[in-house]
Structures are given as structure tokens and as C-alpha cells.
Protein backbone atom coordinates (compact mmCIF):
# COMPACT_ATOMS: atom_id res chain seq x y z
CA MET A 1 81.14 -51.80 -118.08
CA ALA A 2 84.75 -52.45 -117.12
CA HIS A 3 85.33 -54.83 -114.18
CA ARG A 4 88.24 -55.84 -112.09
CA PRO A 5 87.87 -59.50 -111.17
CA LEU A 6 87.85 -60.24 -107.46
CA ALA A 7 88.56 -63.68 -106.07
CA ALA A 8 85.61 -65.76 -107.34
CA ALA A 9 83.24 -66.10 -104.44
CA LEU A 10 80.96 -69.02 -105.17
CA ILE A 11 77.72 -68.69 -103.26
CA ALA A 12 76.46 -71.62 -101.31
CA SER A 13 73.60 -72.06 -103.73
CA LEU A 14 75.67 -74.32 -106.00
CA ALA A 15 72.91 -76.82 -105.42
CA LEU A 16 70.98 -74.71 -107.94
CA MET A 17 73.88 -74.11 -110.38
CA GLY A 18 77.47 -75.10 -111.12
CA ALA A 19 78.62 -78.68 -110.79
CA ALA A 20 75.38 -80.06 -109.27
CA PRO A 21 73.25 -79.46 -112.37
CA SER A 22 75.42 -81.80 -114.41
CA ALA A 23 74.67 -84.66 -112.02
CA SER A 24 70.95 -83.84 -112.01
CA ILE A 25 70.86 -83.66 -115.78
CA ALA A 26 72.66 -87.01 -116.01
CA GLN A 27 70.13 -88.53 -113.60
CA ALA A 28 67.31 -87.16 -115.73
CA ASP A 29 68.81 -88.66 -118.85
CA ASN A 30 69.28 -92.05 -117.11
CA ALA A 31 65.75 -91.88 -115.76
CA GLN A 32 64.36 -92.55 -119.22
CA THR A 33 63.34 -96.15 -119.59
CA GLN A 34 64.64 -95.93 -123.13
CA PRO A 35 67.32 -93.46 -124.22
CA SER A 36 66.03 -90.57 -126.34
CA PRO A 37 67.83 -89.95 -129.60
CA GLY A 38 70.51 -87.24 -129.33
CA VAL A 39 70.13 -83.78 -130.83
CA ASN A 40 72.17 -82.27 -133.64
CA VAL A 41 72.47 -78.49 -133.81
CA GLU A 42 74.35 -75.90 -135.82
CA PHE A 43 73.74 -72.55 -134.18
CA PRO A 44 75.35 -69.41 -135.70
CA GLY A 45 75.24 -67.52 -132.43
CA GLY A 46 72.59 -65.37 -130.77
CA THR A 47 70.48 -65.34 -127.63
CA MET A 48 69.73 -68.27 -125.35
CA GLU A 49 66.07 -68.15 -126.42
CA ALA A 50 67.04 -68.53 -130.09
CA TYR A 51 69.41 -71.37 -129.17
CA VAL A 52 66.65 -73.30 -127.38
CA GLU A 53 64.40 -72.89 -130.41
CA ALA A 54 67.17 -74.35 -132.58
CA LEU A 55 67.43 -77.33 -130.20
CA ARG A 56 63.68 -77.90 -130.33
CA ALA A 57 63.75 -77.81 -134.12
CA SER A 58 66.45 -80.53 -134.19
CA SER A 59 64.88 -82.83 -131.56
CA ALA A 60 62.20 -85.47 -132.13
CA SER A 61 61.23 -85.21 -128.46
CA PRO A 62 59.80 -82.14 -126.75
CA ILE A 63 62.28 -79.89 -124.93
CA ASN A 64 60.94 -78.08 -121.88
CA VAL A 65 62.86 -74.94 -120.90
CA ILE A 66 61.92 -72.18 -118.49
CA PHE A 67 63.80 -68.86 -118.49
CA ARG A 68 64.27 -66.90 -115.29
CA ASN A 69 65.34 -63.26 -114.96
CA GLU A 70 67.51 -62.31 -117.94
CA ALA A 71 68.26 -65.88 -119.05
CA ALA A 72 66.43 -65.61 -122.39
CA SER A 73 68.72 -62.78 -123.52
CA LEU A 74 71.98 -64.48 -122.51
CA PRO A 75 74.48 -64.39 -125.41
CA VAL A 76 75.35 -67.79 -126.87
CA PRO A 77 78.35 -68.19 -129.18
CA LYS A 78 78.43 -70.27 -132.33
CA VAL A 79 77.66 -73.93 -131.45
CA GLN A 80 77.98 -77.14 -133.51
CA LEU A 81 76.92 -80.39 -131.78
CA ARG A 82 76.23 -83.93 -132.94
CA ASN A 83 74.17 -86.56 -131.11
CA VAL A 84 74.30 -85.03 -127.62
CA SER A 85 71.70 -84.99 -124.89
CA VAL A 86 69.55 -81.90 -124.36
CA GLY A 87 71.15 -81.35 -120.96
CA THR A 88 74.63 -81.40 -122.47
CA ALA A 89 73.58 -79.03 -125.26
CA LEU A 90 72.26 -76.57 -122.70
CA GLU A 91 75.33 -76.87 -120.46
CA VAL A 92 77.81 -76.02 -123.20
CA ALA A 93 75.85 -72.85 -123.96
CA ILE A 94 76.65 -71.54 -120.46
CA PRO A 95 80.36 -72.23 -119.96
CA GLN A 96 80.58 -70.29 -116.70
CA ARG A 97 78.01 -71.34 -114.16
CA GLY A 98 77.66 -70.37 -110.57
CA ALA A 99 77.39 -67.10 -108.65
CA TRP A 100 80.08 -64.45 -108.25
CA SER A 101 80.58 -60.75 -107.69
CA VAL A 102 83.02 -58.20 -109.11
CA MET A 103 83.89 -54.68 -108.02
CA ASN A 104 83.41 -51.90 -110.57
CA ASP A 105 85.61 -48.84 -111.06
CA ASP A 106 83.06 -46.61 -109.33
CA GLY A 107 83.12 -48.78 -106.18
CA THR A 108 79.81 -50.55 -106.79
CA MET A 109 79.43 -54.34 -106.96
CA THR A 110 77.90 -56.42 -109.73
CA ASP A 111 76.46 -59.82 -108.73
CA TYR A 112 76.25 -62.51 -111.40
CA ILE A 113 74.21 -65.74 -111.44
CA ARG A 114 74.46 -68.34 -114.21
CA GLY A 115 73.04 -71.85 -113.95
CA ILE A 116 70.73 -74.64 -115.07
CA ASP A 117 68.35 -76.47 -112.77
CA ILE A 118 66.29 -79.53 -113.64
CA ILE A 119 62.86 -80.58 -112.57
CA ASP A 120 62.77 -84.36 -112.83
CA ALA A 121 59.18 -85.49 -113.34
CA HIS A 122 59.99 -89.25 -113.10
CA SER A 123 58.03 -90.85 -110.26
CA PRO A 124 57.07 -94.46 -109.28
CA THR A 125 53.41 -93.37 -109.35
CA ASN A 126 53.55 -92.59 -113.04
CA PRO A 127 51.44 -94.96 -115.19
CA ALA A 128 53.29 -97.86 -116.72
CA GLY A 129 55.01 -96.95 -119.93
CA PHE A 130 54.72 -93.18 -119.30
CA ARG A 131 58.09 -91.54 -119.73
CA PRO A 132 57.87 -87.79 -118.92
CA GLU A 133 60.49 -85.40 -120.27
CA PRO A 134 62.41 -83.29 -117.74
CA ALA A 135 62.01 -79.52 -117.54
CA PHE A 136 65.15 -77.38 -117.59
CA VAL A 137 65.20 -74.09 -115.69
CA ILE A 138 67.85 -71.63 -116.90
CA ASN A 139 68.59 -68.75 -114.57
CA ALA A 140 70.74 -65.73 -115.32
CA SER A 141 70.85 -62.38 -113.57
CA GLU A 142 73.14 -59.37 -113.31
CA ARG A 143 72.58 -56.88 -110.50
CA VAL A 144 74.56 -53.79 -109.62
CA ARG A 145 74.58 -52.77 -105.97
CA GLU A 146 76.43 -50.50 -103.59
CA GLN A 147 78.86 -52.14 -101.22
CA ALA A 148 77.56 -52.48 -97.70
CA HIS A 149 80.83 -50.94 -96.46
CA ARG A 150 82.34 -49.15 -99.40
CA GLN A 151 86.11 -49.03 -99.17
CA VAL A 152 88.46 -46.56 -100.76
CA THR A 153 89.99 -48.34 -103.71
CA ARG A 154 93.26 -46.45 -103.37
CA SER A 155 95.11 -45.70 -100.19
CA THR A 156 95.78 -42.01 -99.65
CA ARG A 157 98.53 -40.20 -97.82
CA ILE A 158 99.73 -36.68 -97.15
CA GLU A 159 103.05 -35.30 -98.36
CA ILE A 160 104.53 -31.82 -97.93
CA PHE A 161 106.78 -30.17 -100.52
CA ALA A 162 109.03 -27.14 -100.01
CA LEU A 163 108.70 -24.83 -103.00
CA ARG A 164 111.38 -22.21 -102.28
CA GLU A 165 113.96 -24.17 -104.26
CA ALA A 166 111.55 -24.55 -107.19
CA VAL A 167 110.06 -21.07 -107.65
CA ASP A 168 110.90 -17.41 -107.19
CA GLY A 169 108.01 -15.05 -106.67
CA GLN A 170 104.28 -15.24 -107.25
CA PRO A 171 104.34 -15.61 -111.07
CA GLN A 172 106.45 -18.77 -110.88
CA THR A 173 104.31 -20.06 -108.00
CA ARG A 174 101.18 -19.61 -110.11
CA ASN A 175 102.87 -21.42 -112.99
CA LEU A 176 103.81 -24.32 -110.74
CA LEU A 177 100.31 -24.65 -109.28
CA HIS A 178 98.85 -24.55 -112.79
CA ALA A 179 101.23 -27.32 -113.90
CA VAL A 180 100.26 -29.39 -110.84
CA ASP A 181 96.56 -28.97 -111.69
CA LEU A 182 97.20 -30.11 -115.27
CA ALA A 183 99.12 -33.18 -114.09
CA LEU A 184 96.37 -34.14 -111.64
CA ASP A 185 93.68 -33.65 -114.29
CA LEU A 186 95.25 -36.52 -116.23
CA ASP A 187 94.59 -38.86 -113.30
CA GLN A 188 91.29 -40.63 -114.01
CA SER A 189 90.63 -41.72 -110.44
CA PRO A 190 87.21 -40.67 -109.12
CA GLN A 191 88.94 -39.68 -105.90
CA LYS A 192 90.56 -36.31 -106.53
CA ALA A 193 93.72 -35.11 -104.82
CA GLU A 194 93.64 -32.16 -102.44
CA ILE A 195 96.34 -29.48 -102.51
CA LYS A 196 96.90 -26.55 -100.16
CA LEU A 197 99.61 -23.87 -100.33
CA HIS A 198 100.88 -22.18 -97.18
CA GLU A 199 102.18 -18.96 -98.70
CA ASP A 200 104.17 -17.73 -95.69
CA THR A 201 106.37 -20.83 -95.65
CA MET A 202 105.90 -21.76 -99.31
CA LEU A 203 104.92 -25.30 -98.35
CA LEU A 204 102.62 -27.27 -100.67
CA ILE A 205 100.53 -29.85 -98.81
CA VAL A 206 99.12 -32.67 -100.94
CA ARG A 207 96.69 -35.40 -99.97
CA GLY A 208 96.12 -38.13 -102.55
CA SER A 209 97.04 -41.53 -103.85
CA ASP A 210 100.62 -42.62 -104.50
CA ALA A 211 100.21 -41.95 -108.21
CA GLN A 212 98.83 -38.46 -107.61
CA ILE A 213 101.59 -37.54 -105.17
CA ASP A 214 104.20 -38.88 -107.60
CA ALA A 215 102.72 -36.65 -110.31
CA VAL A 216 103.02 -33.58 -108.05
CA LYS A 217 106.56 -34.58 -107.11
CA ASP A 218 107.55 -34.88 -110.79
CA VAL A 219 106.21 -31.39 -111.55
CA ILE A 220 108.10 -29.83 -108.64
CA GLN A 221 111.32 -31.63 -109.58
CA ARG A 222 111.04 -30.38 -113.16
CA MET A 223 110.51 -26.83 -111.90
CA GLN A 224 113.56 -27.16 -109.65
CA GLU A 225 115.63 -28.44 -112.58
CA ASN A 226 114.43 -25.58 -114.77
CA LYS A 227 115.33 -23.06 -112.07
CA LEU A 228 118.79 -24.55 -111.57
CA ASN A 229 119.41 -24.68 -115.31
CA PHE A 230 118.34 -21.06 -115.65
CA MET A 231 120.55 -20.03 -112.72
CA HIS A 232 123.55 -21.85 -114.20
CA ALA A 233 122.90 -20.35 -117.62
CA THR A 234 122.56 -16.88 -116.10
CA GLN A 235 125.76 -17.30 -114.09
CA ASN A 236 127.65 -18.52 -117.15
CA ARG A 237 126.28 -15.64 -119.19
CA THR A 238 127.24 -13.16 -116.48
CA ARG A 239 130.76 -14.57 -116.33
CA GLN A 240 131.06 -14.45 -120.12
CA ILE A 241 129.84 -10.85 -120.20
CA ALA A 242 132.30 -9.83 -117.48
CA LYS A 243 135.14 -11.56 -119.31
CA LEU A 244 134.23 -9.94 -122.61
CA ARG A 245 133.93 -6.51 -120.98
CA ALA A 246 137.41 -6.87 -119.53
CA GLU A 247 138.74 -8.01 -122.88
CA LEU A 248 137.00 -5.12 -124.62
CA VAL A 249 138.81 -2.69 -122.32
CA GLU A 250 142.15 -4.32 -123.17
CA ARG A 251 141.46 -4.44 -126.92
CA ARG A 252 140.30 -0.83 -126.97
CA ALA A 253 143.41 0.17 -125.09
CA ASP A 254 145.51 -1.77 -127.63
CA VAL A 255 143.78 -0.03 -130.52
CA GLU A 256 144.17 3.40 -128.94
CA GLU A 257 147.87 2.77 -128.25
CA LEU A 258 148.48 1.56 -131.79
CA GLU A 259 146.56 4.53 -133.19
CA ILE A 260 148.92 6.82 -131.30
CA ARG A 261 151.95 4.87 -132.55
CA ARG A 262 150.54 4.96 -136.09
CA ASP A 263 150.14 8.73 -135.91
CA MET A 264 153.68 9.12 -134.55
CA ALA A 265 155.06 6.77 -137.22
CA ALA A 266 153.18 8.69 -139.91
CA GLN A 267 154.64 11.95 -138.66
CA GLN A 268 158.18 10.48 -138.65
CA LEU A 269 157.67 9.13 -142.16
CA SER A 270 156.43 12.49 -143.38
CA LYS A 271 159.45 14.24 -141.89
CA ALA A 272 161.83 11.67 -143.36
CA GLN A 273 160.26 12.12 -146.78
CA ASP A 274 160.71 15.90 -146.46
CA LEU A 275 164.34 15.39 -145.47
CA LEU A 276 164.83 13.03 -148.40
CA ALA A 277 163.42 15.62 -150.74
CA ASN A 278 165.93 18.15 -149.41
CA GLU A 279 168.68 15.52 -149.50
CA TYR A 280 169.06 15.47 -145.74
CA ALA A 281 168.09 11.79 -145.51
CA SER A 282 168.91 8.73 -147.55
CA ASP A 283 166.47 6.39 -149.28
CA GLN A 284 167.47 3.61 -146.91
CA GLU A 285 166.56 5.70 -143.87
CA VAL A 286 163.20 6.59 -145.36
CA GLN A 287 162.55 2.95 -146.24
CA GLU A 288 163.33 1.85 -142.68
CA ILE A 289 160.92 4.43 -141.23
CA GLU A 290 158.30 3.44 -143.78
CA GLY A 291 158.76 -0.22 -142.81
CA GLU A 292 158.20 0.61 -139.14
CA TYR A 293 155.09 2.57 -140.11
CA ARG A 294 153.71 -0.38 -142.06
CA ILE A 295 154.37 -2.75 -139.15
CA VAL A 296 152.46 -0.46 -136.77
CA LEU A 297 149.66 -0.12 -139.31
CA SER A 298 149.42 -3.90 -139.70
CA ARG A 299 149.27 -4.39 -135.93
CA LEU A 300 146.61 -1.71 -135.69
CA HIS A 301 144.46 -3.43 -138.31
CA ALA A 302 144.79 -6.76 -136.49
CA ALA A 303 143.88 -5.14 -133.16
CA GLN A 304 140.88 -3.43 -134.75
CA ALA A 305 139.71 -6.77 -136.20
CA ARG A 306 139.99 -8.42 -132.78
CA LEU A 307 138.11 -5.54 -131.19
CA THR A 308 135.35 -5.77 -133.78
CA ALA A 309 134.97 -9.53 -133.27
CA ILE A 310 134.82 -9.19 -129.49
CA SER A 311 132.39 -6.27 -129.74
CA GLU A 312 130.04 -8.33 -131.91
CA GLU A 313 130.25 -11.29 -129.54
CA PHE A 314 129.57 -8.99 -126.60
CA ALA A 315 126.61 -7.42 -128.39
CA ASP A 316 125.12 -10.81 -129.23
CA LEU A 317 125.51 -12.00 -125.67
CA THR A 318 123.98 -8.91 -124.09
CA ARG A 319 121.22 -8.48 -126.67
CA GLU A 320 119.30 -11.60 -125.62
CA GLY A 321 117.00 -10.90 -122.70
CA ASP A 322 118.18 -7.28 -122.45
CA SER A 323 115.62 -5.65 -120.21
CA ARG A 324 117.50 -2.42 -119.56
CA PRO A 325 115.76 0.96 -119.98
CA GLU A 326 115.36 2.44 -123.44
CA SER A 327 118.52 3.83 -125.02
CA ILE A 328 118.54 7.53 -125.99
CA GLU A 329 120.93 9.14 -128.47
CA ARG A 330 122.48 12.47 -127.53
CA VAL A 331 125.40 14.49 -128.87
CA TYR A 332 127.80 16.28 -126.50
CA SER A 333 130.21 19.09 -127.39
CA THR A 334 133.65 19.61 -125.92
CA PRO A 335 135.59 22.90 -126.00
CA ASN A 336 138.45 21.55 -128.10
CA ALA A 337 139.97 18.44 -129.68
CA ALA A 338 142.15 17.65 -126.66
CA ALA A 339 139.14 17.68 -124.33
CA HIS A 340 137.26 15.60 -126.90
CA ASP A 341 139.94 12.90 -126.87
CA ARG A 342 140.10 12.79 -123.08
CA VAL A 343 136.30 12.60 -122.68
CA LEU A 344 136.05 10.00 -125.42
CA GLY A 345 138.66 7.79 -123.74
CA ILE A 346 136.96 8.05 -120.35
CA LEU A 347 133.49 7.36 -121.75
CA ARG A 348 134.69 4.33 -123.67
CA ALA A 349 136.16 2.91 -120.48
CA VAL A 350 132.91 3.63 -118.63
CA ASP A 351 130.94 2.09 -121.51
CA SER A 352 132.74 -1.21 -121.02
CA ILE A 353 131.80 -1.53 -117.35
CA SER A 354 128.45 0.27 -117.20
CA GLY A 355 125.08 -1.16 -118.03
CA HIS A 356 123.68 2.33 -118.64
CA ILE A 357 125.92 3.52 -121.48
CA ARG A 358 125.41 1.54 -124.69
CA SER A 359 127.86 3.12 -127.14
CA VAL A 360 130.20 6.11 -127.48
CA GLU A 361 131.43 7.44 -130.80
CA SER A 362 132.90 10.59 -132.25
CA GLY A 363 130.31 12.87 -133.83
CA LYS A 364 129.00 11.68 -137.17
CA ASP A 365 129.39 15.16 -138.62
CA GLY A 366 133.15 14.79 -138.44
CA SER A 367 133.50 17.49 -135.84
CA PRO A 368 136.61 16.99 -133.67
CA THR A 369 134.76 18.30 -130.62
CA SER A 370 131.43 16.37 -130.64
CA ILE A 371 130.69 12.98 -129.10
CA GLU A 372 127.63 10.84 -129.84
CA VAL A 373 126.40 8.76 -126.91
CA HIS A 374 123.66 6.08 -126.73
CA ALA A 375 122.58 5.58 -123.10
CA ASP A 376 119.60 5.55 -120.78
CA GLU A 377 118.79 8.51 -118.59
CA GLU A 378 121.12 7.41 -115.80
CA GLY A 379 123.93 6.93 -118.31
CA HIS A 380 123.40 10.39 -119.78
CA ARG A 381 123.60 11.95 -116.31
CA VAL A 382 127.01 10.31 -115.87
CA VAL A 383 128.14 11.46 -119.33
CA GLY A 384 126.97 15.02 -118.65
CA ARG A 385 129.01 15.22 -115.43
CA ILE A 386 132.10 13.83 -117.15
CA VAL A 387 131.83 16.23 -120.09
CA ALA A 388 131.26 19.19 -117.75
CA ALA A 389 134.25 18.27 -115.57
CA MET A 390 136.62 17.76 -118.51
CA SER A 391 135.44 20.96 -120.17
CA ARG A 392 136.19 23.03 -117.06
CA GLY A 393 139.70 21.66 -116.95
CA SER A 394 140.43 22.55 -120.55
């Protein structure tokens, strides 16, 4: 049993145990008309009863011992003594003598008594030459009792926590309450904390010890930190997505412009080569036009590489935690190539700012009038209206 020592409260019965027995034992030893030879003992350890038997075996004189309560089973450590009195030998076997009480973890009290008393048989009426031996009374008891007025071992208090800054919605509230329960389960106090949640105001009322309330406070603070971290991460992610969307629009516009310039430069180069073949243009003129074409082509490739890198970064950023509706693939037809190009340009712009349209590409079959779109149902409704409007105007 684990104990927490209280201030030693010596009971007034020290006349029976403690310092008084030493004086009584000394008087008994001095009462002998002739000193008895001392005892020598080597005791390996055991009970008080076994120790007394070892003393008797080493003494030429009788040793009278009476055990009271649980005294016979008292533990005695290893003892080695030379030429000591019986009283001294018994005293050293009980190093702590007296009466005291300690409070246990469950609030009960344990009362202890340890002591040696002596019955001195020396009397003036004894016959001449008769030297009686004293009798030693060893008392030891251990009693567990309830306190007369049991006190709460820990002071309790009430604290109220606002949960709106820590949780959003019932699922997070359940998670928080579960975490609070787990934290309080680790507290080994027999007095359990009480928690009540007022759902309308999202106030958590806790009644418990300081340690229990601190545990609840730590859980709520961690939940608040997690919420703030998630909010900051979400805001940063939203800002990054918006920035990348804007950059995607610019890069796509750059690519489309350079594609137009490439096509124009290719046409000019083709015409110049025809003129050169008919000797209407010089090699130098053709080389200059070809150089311009190569410059435009190089810029187009660089712009396409930048667009690809940004598109991949955007895809990676939006892929994590994407809870949008399922994407559906559909192919739309336009009346001619001109309408196809206009619809494709508009849809790509919409794709960069809409969460419903995932991707827009020219038809995989190579048709100059088909457009392949990945979008949810709302996105496809927008695409259908755009395609219909552009087709009517063609």
C-alpha cells in the first residue's frame, strides 16, 4: 500500500512505547543484583518471533517476551550484535517506535503502533538472593480506518471554455470531446472531472482539479492551433491557386499569340521560298525571314515549357483535397474551324477561372471542329451554352 506521510502525530501513550521503554529497560537491567552476561546474535533477517528465538538460543539466562497484536510477524532486518543486553537487542529490532497515522491514496487512514514495554518483577518482598528476569511486551499493530471527516484530497474548481475558436461543426466538436475524455482518462485521481457542453453557446463547463482543468485546457489549445494552422494553410493554398490561375491565363495567352506569330512567320517564309525559287527574292531576304521564323519558334517553345511547368504545379496544388464533383468527358462539335478556335479560346479562359471545368483540348481524332472537355455537370452546362452561342454566330 502506498502512503503519503503526514506530520508524525505521536500519541500520548508514549509511556507504553518510544523513548520511555529505553529508561524502563535500563532500570530493569540495573535492577539485577549481579549483571547478566550479554547476548551475542547473528540474525540473517526474518520475523520478530524468529529473532527472539535466536536471542534465546544465544543467552544463558531465560528471555521472557510476550507478543501483542501483529508483533510476532514484524519484519526484522539482518542483525549482528555482540555482548548487549536483551533490552538493547530488542530495541534495535524496532528502529521506529511510537504511534502515528498516515493518509492513504483512497482517503482512508492507517494507524501504526510500534513499541516495547517491560514488566519489572523486582520487588523488596522477593526472597533474598532471588533475582527475577524481566518480561518484555512487544506490541505492533496496523489498522486501516475511514477518516471521521473525510476531506477531498484535491481542491476542485469550475472553469468555462469557449469552443467556437477551436472547432467548426459537430464532427470537430465530437473529436474535441473525445480528446478531452482521453486526456482525463490518464488522470489517476479517484475523483473524476465533470464536463458539460452547452451546445447553443458552444461553452464547455469543466469541474475538476487543477491538473484535470489544465489537461482540458491543453486539448482545447491544441485544437485551436490545429484550426488556425489549417486556416492559414488553406488561405495560402487559395492564394497560390489564384496566382497560378492568373499566370496560366497569361502563359496561355502568350502561347496562343506566339502560335499565331509562328503561323504568320511560316507563311512568310513559305512565300519567300517560292519567290526565291522564281528568282523574285534573294537568298539574304529568305535567310532573314527564316531567322525571324526561328526566333518566334524558339520563343514559342519557351512559352510552352513555362505553361507546362505552371500547369503541372497548378494540378499538383489543386489535386490534394480536391472534393469537387466527378469529372465527365464529353466531345463538342463546332460548325467550322473558325468557330472551333473561338470556342476553344473562350473555354480555355473559363477553364482557368472555373472550378467546374477541368480541361479543354482539341478533339483527339484530329478533327478541326471538335473539342474535348472534362468537367462536372455544371461545367458542361456552361460549355454547352458557349458552344451553342458561338455556333449560331458562325
